[in-house]
N, C-alpha and C. Protein backbone atom coordinates (compact mmCIF):
# COMPACT_ATOMS: atom_id res chain seq x y z
N MET A 1 7.04 15.61 -10.11
CA MET A 1 6.24 14.51 -10.77
C MET A 1 7.42 13.41 -11.01
N ARG A 2 8.81 14.55 -11.39
CA ARG A 2 9.79 13.24 -11.51
C ARG A 2 9.55 12.71 -10.26
N LYS A 3 9.88 13.57 -9.46
CA LYS A 3 10.66 12.85 -8.24
C LYS A 3 9.80 10.93 -7.77
N LEU A 4 7.86 11.51 -7.79
CA LEU A 4 7.38 10.33 -7.39
C LEU A 4 7.74 9.49 -8.63
N ILE A 5 8.04 10.27 -9.55
CA ILE A 5 8.26 8.88 -10.35
C ILE A 5 9.32 7.68 -10.32
N ASP A 6 10.72 8.33 -9.47
CA ASP A 6 11.36 8.21 -8.42
C ASP A 6 10.90 7.35 -8.11
N GLN A 7 10.66 7.87 -6.97
CA GLN A 7 10.52 7.07 -5.97
C GLN A 7 10.03 5.70 -6.10
N ILE A 8 8.67 5.79 -7.32
CA ILE A 8 7.51 4.53 -7.30
C ILE A 8 8.59 3.57 -8.11
N MET A 9 10.00 4.47 -8.59
CA MET A 9 10.69 3.67 -9.81
C MET A 9 11.60 2.59 -8.25
N LYS A 10 11.90 3.39 -7.29
CA LYS A 10 12.76 2.72 -6.31
C LYS A 10 11.35 1.34 -5.63
N PHE A 11 10.25 1.81 -4.98
CA PHE A 11 9.80 1.20 -4.54
C PHE A 11 9.92 -0.48 -5.58
N GLY A 12 9.40 0.19 -6.83
CA GLY A 12 9.18 -0.93 -7.95
C GLY A 12 10.58 -2.43 -7.89
N VAL A 13 12.39 -1.45 -7.62
CA VAL A 13 13.52 -2.53 -7.28
C VAL A 13 13.21 -3.62 -6.16
N VAL A 14 12.82 -2.13 -5.04
CA VAL A 14 12.87 -2.78 -3.35
C VAL A 14 11.66 -3.83 -3.82
N GLY A 15 10.95 -3.83 -3.98
CA GLY A 15 9.34 -4.89 -3.98
C GLY A 15 10.10 -6.08 -4.91
N VAL A 16 10.25 -5.59 -5.93
CA VAL A 16 11.29 -7.30 -7.09
C VAL A 16 11.42 -8.62 -6.27
N ILE A 17 12.54 -7.63 -5.24
CA ILE A 17 13.68 -8.31 -4.16
C ILE A 17 12.74 -9.19 -3.69
N ALA A 18 11.89 -8.28 -3.12
CA ALA A 18 11.12 -8.64 -1.51
C ALA A 18 10.17 -9.79 -2.41
N PHE A 19 9.64 -9.32 -3.52
CA PHE A 19 8.82 -10.65 -3.83
C PHE A 19 9.60 -11.75 -4.68
N VAL A 20 10.93 -11.71 -4.21
CA VAL A 20 11.60 -12.87 -5.01
C VAL A 20 11.96 -13.30 -3.93
N ILE A 21 11.53 -12.81 -2.26
CA ILE A 21 12.41 -12.77 -1.55
C ILE A 21 11.30 -14.31 -0.53
N ASP A 22 9.26 -13.44 -0.84
CA ASP A 22 8.78 -13.98 -0.56
C ASP A 22 8.15 -15.19 -1.52
N TYR A 23 8.72 -15.09 -3.08
CA TYR A 23 7.79 -15.97 -3.79
C TYR A 23 9.03 -17.37 -3.30
N GLY A 24 9.85 -17.19 -3.55
CA GLY A 24 10.86 -17.91 -3.33
C GLY A 24 10.38 -18.62 -2.31
N LEU A 25 10.42 -18.13 -0.90
CA LEU A 25 10.52 -19.24 0.50
C LEU A 25 8.97 -19.59 0.08
N MET A 26 8.20 -18.77 0.27
CA MET A 26 7.13 -20.00 0.39
C MET A 26 6.81 -20.99 -0.91
N VAL A 27 7.18 -20.68 -2.46
CA VAL A 27 7.79 -22.74 -2.95
C VAL A 27 8.57 -23.62 -2.36
N ALA A 28 9.62 -22.41 -1.68
CA ALA A 28 11.01 -23.50 -0.92
C ALA A 28 9.95 -24.56 0.39
N LEU A 29 9.35 -22.98 0.80
CA LEU A 29 8.30 -23.82 2.32
C LEU A 29 7.34 -25.33 2.08
N THR A 30 6.69 -24.49 0.87
CA THR A 30 6.02 -25.97 0.40
C THR A 30 6.09 -26.61 -0.01
N GLU A 31 7.04 -26.82 -1.37
CA GLU A 31 7.05 -27.68 -2.16
C GLU A 31 8.51 -28.37 -1.33
N LEU A 32 9.07 -28.30 -1.04
CA LEU A 32 10.25 -29.43 -0.13
C LEU A 32 10.35 -29.24 1.15
N PHE A 33 9.28 -28.50 1.93
CA PHE A 33 9.67 -28.90 3.28
C PHE A 33 7.86 -29.62 3.12
N GLY A 34 7.32 -29.42 2.16
CA GLY A 34 5.39 -29.34 2.10
C GLY A 34 4.29 -28.58 3.69
N VAL A 35 5.13 -27.25 4.04
CA VAL A 35 4.38 -26.90 4.92
C VAL A 35 3.09 -25.79 4.26
N ASN A 36 1.94 -26.15 5.07
CA ASN A 36 1.16 -25.65 4.44
C ASN A 36 0.65 -24.36 3.80
N TYR A 37 0.49 -23.84 2.35
CA TYR A 37 0.31 -22.78 1.50
C TYR A 37 -0.07 -21.84 2.92
N LEU A 38 -0.95 -22.14 3.04
CA LEU A 38 -0.59 -20.20 4.20
C LEU A 38 -0.61 -20.07 4.58
N VAL A 39 0.82 -21.12 5.86
CA VAL A 39 1.48 -20.89 6.46
C VAL A 39 2.71 -20.80 5.92
N SER A 40 3.44 -21.53 4.97
CA SER A 40 4.32 -21.07 4.05
C SER A 40 4.12 -19.66 3.78
N ALA A 41 2.28 -18.65 3.41
CA ALA A 41 3.05 -17.66 3.13
C ALA A 41 2.86 -16.64 3.97
N THR A 42 2.91 -16.96 4.97
CA THR A 42 2.60 -16.09 6.22
C THR A 42 3.74 -15.96 6.69
N ILE A 43 4.84 -17.59 6.81
CA ILE A 43 6.40 -17.29 7.10
C ILE A 43 7.14 -16.52 6.46
N SER A 44 6.95 -16.51 4.82
CA SER A 44 7.55 -15.62 3.75
C SER A 44 6.67 -13.87 3.61
N PHE A 45 5.40 -14.19 3.78
CA PHE A 45 5.70 -12.31 3.82
C PHE A 45 6.31 -12.07 4.86
N ILE A 46 6.32 -12.69 6.01
CA ILE A 46 6.99 -11.81 6.77
C ILE A 46 8.30 -11.93 7.16
N VAL A 47 8.87 -12.42 6.61
CA VAL A 47 10.90 -12.49 5.78
C VAL A 47 11.06 -11.00 4.71
N SER A 48 9.94 -11.65 4.30
CA SER A 48 10.32 -10.26 2.99
C SER A 48 9.78 -8.73 3.82
N VAL A 49 9.11 -8.70 4.57
CA VAL A 49 8.59 -7.45 5.27
C VAL A 49 9.64 -6.86 5.76
N THR A 50 10.21 -7.73 6.57
CA THR A 50 11.43 -7.55 7.43
C THR A 50 12.89 -6.83 6.27
N PHE A 51 13.53 -7.35 5.72
CA PHE A 51 13.99 -7.05 3.96
C PHE A 51 12.97 -5.56 3.68
N ASN A 52 12.16 -5.95 3.27
CA ASN A 52 11.17 -4.78 3.03
C ASN A 52 11.70 -2.53 4.08
N TYR A 53 11.27 -3.24 4.83
CA TYR A 53 11.24 -2.37 6.06
C TYR A 53 12.49 -1.53 6.00
N PHE A 54 13.68 -2.51 5.83
CA PHE A 54 15.11 -1.50 6.01
C PHE A 54 15.60 -1.16 4.76
N ALA A 55 14.97 -1.74 3.70
CA ALA A 55 15.58 -1.18 2.72
C ALA A 55 14.48 0.33 1.58
N SER A 56 13.93 0.07 2.04
CA SER A 56 12.23 0.70 2.00
C SER A 56 12.75 2.61 2.91
N MET A 57 13.21 2.08 3.84
CA MET A 57 13.34 3.28 4.90
C MET A 57 14.89 3.85 4.41
N ARG A 58 15.30 2.62 4.00
CA ARG A 58 16.66 3.15 2.97
C ARG A 58 16.78 3.98 2.46
N TYR A 59 15.69 3.24 1.13
CA TYR A 59 16.26 3.98 -0.40
C TYR A 59 14.82 4.26 -1.11
N VAL A 60 14.03 4.92 -0.68
CA VAL A 60 12.42 4.91 -1.20
C VAL A 60 12.09 5.70 -0.19
N PHE A 61 11.68 5.67 1.47
CA PHE A 61 11.34 7.13 1.25
C PHE A 61 11.94 7.76 2.14
N THR A 62 11.53 8.70 2.42
CA THR A 62 12.60 9.95 3.83
C THR A 62 11.84 9.61 4.91
N HIS A 63 12.97 9.97 5.52
CA HIS A 63 12.51 9.57 7.44
C HIS A 63 11.47 10.68 7.53
N LYS A 64 10.48 11.34 8.25
CA LYS A 64 10.32 12.07 8.85
C LYS A 64 10.95 12.26 10.42
N GLU A 65 11.09 14.16 10.13
CA GLU A 65 11.36 14.68 11.21
C GLU A 65 10.50 14.41 12.38
N GLY A 66 11.19 14.34 13.40
CA GLY A 66 10.59 14.21 14.55
C GLY A 66 9.92 13.00 14.87
N MET A 67 9.91 12.11 13.75
CA MET A 67 9.40 10.19 14.22
C MET A 67 10.56 9.17 14.72
N SER A 68 10.44 9.04 15.90
CA SER A 68 11.38 7.69 16.00
C SER A 68 11.00 7.05 15.33
N ARG A 69 12.64 6.61 14.89
CA ARG A 69 12.51 5.11 14.37
C ARG A 69 11.59 3.95 14.59
N ARG A 70 11.66 4.19 16.16
CA ARG A 70 11.20 2.85 16.35
C ARG A 70 9.01 3.37 16.47
N ARG A 71 8.57 4.79 16.57
CA ARG A 71 7.32 4.63 16.11
C ARG A 71 7.43 4.65 14.00
N GLU A 72 8.09 4.75 13.93
CA GLU A 72 8.16 4.93 12.20
C GLU A 72 8.64 2.42 11.99
N PHE A 73 8.70 2.58 12.74
CA PHE A 73 9.12 1.09 12.87
C PHE A 73 7.68 0.20 13.14
N VAL A 74 6.84 0.75 14.75
CA VAL A 74 4.91 0.39 14.76
C VAL A 74 4.80 0.31 13.51
N ILE A 75 4.62 1.48 12.68
CA ILE A 75 3.51 1.90 11.94
C ILE A 75 3.79 1.16 10.69
N PHE A 76 5.04 1.00 10.07
CA PHE A 76 5.51 -0.09 9.34
C PHE A 76 4.71 -1.51 9.75
N VAL A 77 5.19 -2.31 10.59
CA VAL A 77 4.62 -3.45 11.52
C VAL A 77 3.50 -2.93 11.05
N VAL A 78 2.40 -2.62 11.39
CA VAL A 78 0.56 -2.03 11.54
C VAL A 78 0.36 -2.19 9.77
N LEU A 79 1.13 -1.50 9.41
CA LEU A 79 0.79 -1.19 7.94
C LEU A 79 1.15 -2.71 7.86
N SER A 80 2.01 -3.36 7.61
CA SER A 80 2.59 -4.92 6.97
C SER A 80 1.48 -5.34 7.29
N VAL A 81 0.94 -5.19 8.25
CA VAL A 81 -0.04 -6.84 9.05
C VAL A 81 -1.17 -6.31 8.45
N ILE A 82 -1.39 -5.01 8.47
CA ILE A 82 -2.66 -5.49 7.37
C ILE A 82 -2.97 -6.29 6.31
N GLY A 83 -1.31 -5.50 5.39
CA GLY A 83 -1.12 -6.37 3.97
C GLY A 83 -1.35 -7.33 4.32
N LEU A 84 -0.59 -7.53 5.32
CA LEU A 84 -0.39 -9.48 5.86
C LEU A 84 -1.80 -10.05 5.09
N LEU A 85 -2.94 -10.04 6.40
CA LEU A 85 -4.02 -9.73 6.17
C LEU A 85 -4.92 -9.63 4.83
N ILE A 86 -4.62 -9.16 4.35
CA ILE A 86 -5.36 -8.82 2.64
C ILE A 86 -4.31 -9.68 1.77
N ASN A 87 -2.86 -10.00 1.76
CA ASN A 87 -2.10 -11.45 1.88
C ASN A 87 -2.88 -12.31 1.49
N ASP A 88 -3.28 -12.91 3.14
CA ASP A 88 -4.15 -14.37 3.81
C ASP A 88 -5.20 -14.68 2.83
N ALA A 89 -6.15 -13.48 3.09
CA ALA A 89 -7.10 -13.19 2.91
C ALA A 89 -7.50 -13.71 1.25
N LEU A 90 -6.79 -13.09 0.36
CA LEU A 90 -6.50 -12.80 -1.05
C LEU A 90 -5.89 -14.83 -1.62
N MET A 91 -5.14 -15.14 -0.53
CA MET A 91 -4.49 -16.38 -0.70
C MET A 91 -5.23 -17.50 -0.20
N TRP A 92 -6.41 -17.36 0.22
CA TRP A 92 -7.71 -18.61 1.36
C TRP A 92 -8.66 -18.10 -0.31
N LEU A 93 -9.33 -17.52 -0.30
CA LEU A 93 -10.62 -16.47 -1.81
C LEU A 93 -9.95 -17.28 -2.75
N GLY A 94 -8.79 -17.06 -3.08
CA GLY A 94 -7.95 -17.32 -4.65
C GLY A 94 -7.32 -19.77 -4.53
N THR A 95 -7.05 -19.59 -3.84
CA THR A 95 -6.86 -21.00 -3.21
C THR A 95 -7.87 -22.30 -2.79
N GLY A 96 -8.14 -21.73 -1.74
CA GLY A 96 -9.27 -22.05 -0.32
C GLY A 96 -10.09 -22.29 -1.31
N MET A 97 -11.55 -21.40 -1.51
CA MET A 97 -12.06 -21.32 -2.48
C MET A 97 -12.38 -21.31 -3.44
N LEU A 98 -11.63 -20.88 -4.45
CA LEU A 98 -11.84 -20.57 -5.95
C LEU A 98 -10.83 -21.47 -6.55
N GLY A 99 -10.46 -22.20 -5.79
CA GLY A 99 -9.76 -23.82 -6.55
C GLY A 99 -8.30 -23.14 -7.58
N ILE A 100 -7.80 -21.68 -7.39
CA ILE A 100 -7.05 -21.39 -7.94
C ILE A 100 -5.35 -21.73 -7.35
N SER A 101 -4.70 -21.96 -8.06
CA SER A 101 -3.09 -22.35 -7.99
C SER A 101 -2.80 -20.95 -6.62
N TYR A 102 -1.94 -22.00 -5.59
CA TYR A 102 -1.45 -21.16 -4.60
C TYR A 102 -0.02 -19.98 -5.25
N LEU A 103 0.64 -20.71 -6.64
CA LEU A 103 0.89 -20.02 -7.55
C LEU A 103 0.72 -18.40 -8.19
N ILE A 104 -0.42 -18.84 -8.92
CA ILE A 104 -0.85 -18.09 -9.08
C ILE A 104 -1.99 -17.02 -8.38
N THR A 105 -2.43 -17.18 -7.83
CA THR A 105 -2.37 -16.44 -6.78
C THR A 105 -2.72 -15.27 -5.86
N LYS A 106 -0.84 -15.66 -5.50
CA LYS A 106 0.35 -15.17 -5.03
C LYS A 106 1.03 -13.91 -5.70
N ILE A 107 0.86 -14.40 -7.14
CA ILE A 107 1.16 -12.70 -7.94
C ILE A 107 0.37 -11.68 -7.61
N PHE A 108 -1.31 -12.23 -7.83
CA PHE A 108 -2.69 -11.25 -7.98
C PHE A 108 -2.30 -11.06 -6.89
N ALA A 109 -2.43 -11.68 -5.64
CA ALA A 109 -2.15 -10.84 -3.93
C ALA A 109 -0.99 -9.77 -3.67
N THR A 110 0.43 -10.38 -4.10
CA THR A 110 1.17 -9.38 -4.68
C THR A 110 1.38 -7.75 -5.05
N ALA A 111 0.19 -8.17 -5.97
CA ALA A 111 -0.03 -7.46 -6.42
C ALA A 111 -0.68 -5.88 -5.72
N VAL A 112 -1.87 -6.15 -5.61
CA VAL A 112 -2.91 -5.81 -4.29
C VAL A 112 -2.17 -5.35 -3.36
N VAL A 113 -1.55 -6.03 -2.44
CA VAL A 113 -1.09 -5.69 -1.23
C VAL A 113 0.47 -4.33 -2.27
N MET A 114 1.16 -5.10 -2.90
CA MET A 114 2.15 -3.63 -3.45
C MET A 114 1.12 -1.71 -3.34
N VAL A 115 -0.06 -2.03 -3.90
CA VAL A 115 -0.63 -1.29 -4.00
C VAL A 115 -0.58 -0.46 -3.02
N TRP A 116 -1.52 -1.37 -1.27
CA TRP A 116 -1.66 -0.74 0.15
C TRP A 116 -0.55 -0.07 0.10
N ASN A 117 0.90 -1.29 0.40
CA ASN A 117 2.14 -0.93 1.00
C ASN A 117 2.41 0.21 0.60
N PHE A 118 2.53 0.84 -1.09
CA PHE A 118 3.15 2.00 -1.05
C PHE A 118 2.55 3.34 -0.94
N VAL A 119 0.76 3.29 -1.32
CA VAL A 119 -0.30 4.18 -0.96
C VAL A 119 0.40 4.55 0.93
N THR A 120 0.22 3.45 1.12
CA THR A 120 0.20 3.65 3.44
C THR A 120 0.82 4.36 3.48
N ARG A 121 2.30 3.96 3.97
CA ARG A 121 3.76 4.36 3.56
C ARG A 121 4.73 5.43 2.81
N LYS A 122 3.79 5.82 1.59
CA LYS A 122 3.86 7.33 1.84
C LYS A 122 3.05 8.38 2.44
N LYS A 123 2.03 7.98 2.33
CA LYS A 123 0.56 8.64 3.25
C LYS A 123 1.51 8.71 4.44
N PHE A 124 2.00 8.13 5.56
CA PHE A 124 2.36 7.98 7.11
C PHE A 124 3.69 7.95 6.99
N LEU A 125 4.32 7.95 6.15
CA LEU A 125 6.63 6.83 6.75
C LEU A 125 6.40 8.18 6.09
N ASP A 126 6.16 8.76 4.76
CA ASP A 126 6.89 9.78 3.70
C ASP A 126 7.27 11.10 3.81
N ALA A 127 8.45 11.53 4.62
CA ALA A 127 8.23 13.41 4.92
C ALA A 127 8.84 13.78 3.06
N GLY A 128 8.44 12.97 1.87
CA GLY A 128 8.66 13.94 0.98
C GLY A 128 9.81 14.94 0.58
N ASP A 129 9.71 16.08 0.73
CA ASP A 129 10.18 17.10 -0.17
C ASP A 129 10.51 17.67 1.38
N ALA A 130 9.99 17.34 2.52
CA ALA A 130 10.39 17.90 3.78
C ALA A 130 11.32 16.87 4.69
N GLY A 131 11.99 16.43 4.10
CA GLY A 131 13.18 15.32 4.89
C GLY A 131 14.01 15.67 4.17
N LYS A 132 13.87 16.18 3.47
CA LYS A 132 15.78 16.66 2.62
C LYS A 132 16.28 17.95 3.04
């Protein structure tokens, strides 16, 4: 149980940094450059996922023996694209349909996608104790 808690804590640190990248870039693109909030949310999500892959696979999850880095990256990207679809759907629903500020909606969307990311990456990418 202690190892899982440590892993969740590391995931949290990587996630906070990724969130700052995601949220900061989204706000900058929208507020400073006038980019549509859905476009800016998509761009910022992609940038943060790239950071997240390298940080997560280095510090949070243990590489599965026998899985190529290429396959690992493809799985990570597929899971992230699903996360992006969840993110954008929640952004559209919260902001476009319900009229909630994109700044508030993004926080909720991030929380939902964070749970998705941890659970699916743990299941499909983490070797756990077997990789040590």
